[in-house]
């Protein structure tokens, strides 16, 4: 899905991803979460900042934040 509006008070990236897994199922979970943590091949940005360099799943979200999720990409 190209874009989705999601709002929850006092939310984190983990809350958002868990909600998306509940909505889109195991296929979504498989390429976002690995061994209970954010899969390192997936890039999640909050307002242009990579959550791997912030607090990962615990990165807080505000209502005006923009979250972008880039799936793993292969090629050669």
Protein backbone atom coordinates (compact mmCIF):
# COMPACT_ATOMS: atom_id res chain seq x y z
CA UNK A 1 0.00 0.00 0.00
CA UNK A 2 1.43 3.36 -0.94
CA UNK A 3 0.09 5.40 1.96
CA UNK A 4 -1.92 4.90 5.12
CA UNK A 5 -3.10 7.27 7.83
CA UNK A 6 -2.53 5.85 11.33
CA UNK A 7 -3.01 7.61 14.63
CA UNK A 8 -2.57 6.41 18.17
CA UNK A 9 -1.66 8.42 21.25
CA UNK A 10 1.77 7.83 22.77
CA UNK A 11 2.73 5.36 20.08
CA UNK A 12 6.05 3.83 19.10
CA UNK A 13 7.39 2.33 15.89
CA UNK A 14 6.81 -1.08 17.48
CA UNK A 15 3.13 -0.24 18.05
CA UNK A 16 2.76 0.80 14.43
CA UNK A 17 4.48 -2.33 13.10
CA UNK A 18 2.42 -4.63 15.34
CA UNK A 19 -0.77 -2.96 14.07
CA UNK A 20 0.39 -3.38 10.47
CA UNK A 21 1.21 -7.05 11.09
CA UNK A 22 -2.29 -7.54 12.54
CA UNK A 23 -3.78 -5.85 9.47
CA UNK A 24 -1.61 -7.37 6.72
CA UNK A 25 -0.68 -10.72 8.25
CA UNK A 26 2.27 -13.05 8.28
CA UNK A 27 3.60 -12.01 4.86
CA UNK A 28 4.15 -8.45 6.12
CA UNK A 29 5.62 -9.69 9.39
CA UNK A 30 8.07 -11.97 7.57
CA UNK A 31 9.81 -9.12 5.77
CA UNK A 32 9.75 -6.58 8.61
CA UNK A 33 10.49 -8.55 11.78
CA UNK A 34 13.18 -11.18 12.32
CA UNK A 35 13.75 -12.95 15.63
CA UNK A 36 11.47 -10.50 17.44
CA UNK A 37 13.35 -7.40 16.30
CA UNK A 38 13.38 -5.14 13.29
CA UNK A 39 14.94 -6.95 10.36
CA UNK A 40 18.13 -5.10 9.40
CA UNK A 41 17.37 -5.36 5.67
CA UNK A 42 14.22 -3.26 6.13
CA UNK A 43 14.62 0.48 6.42
CA UNK A 44 12.13 2.33 8.59
CA UNK A 45 12.43 6.11 8.62
CA UNK A 46 10.67 8.50 10.98
CA UNK A 47 10.81 12.02 9.58
CA UNK A 48 13.82 10.96 7.51
CA UNK A 49 15.74 9.38 10.41
CA UNK A 50 16.56 5.65 10.36
CA UNK A 51 15.07 4.01 13.48
CA UNK A 52 18.02 1.61 13.59
CA UNK A 53 20.05 4.64 14.72
CA UNK A 54 17.35 5.80 17.13
CA UNK A 55 15.45 3.50 19.51
CA UNK A 56 14.38 0.88 16.96
CA UNK A 57 10.94 -0.49 18.04
CA UNK A 58 10.87 1.93 20.99
CA UNK A 59 11.25 5.04 18.81
CA UNK A 60 8.37 7.32 19.87
CA UNK A 61 5.91 8.60 17.28
CA UNK A 62 4.00 11.89 17.33
CA UNK A 63 0.75 12.48 15.39
CA UNK A 64 2.48 14.64 12.75
CA UNK A 65 5.38 12.20 12.13
CA UNK A 66 5.89 10.62 8.74
CA UNK A 67 6.97 6.98 8.74
CA UNK A 68 8.39 5.38 5.59
CA UNK A 69 9.01 1.64 5.33
CA UNK A 70 11.32 0.34 2.60
CA UNK A 71 11.14 -3.43 2.05
CA UNK A 72 14.24 -5.50 1.36
CA UNK A 73 15.38 -5.17 -2.22
CA UNK A 74 17.60 -7.58 -4.12
CA UNK A 75 19.37 -7.33 -7.39
CA UNK A 76 22.67 -7.43 -8.99
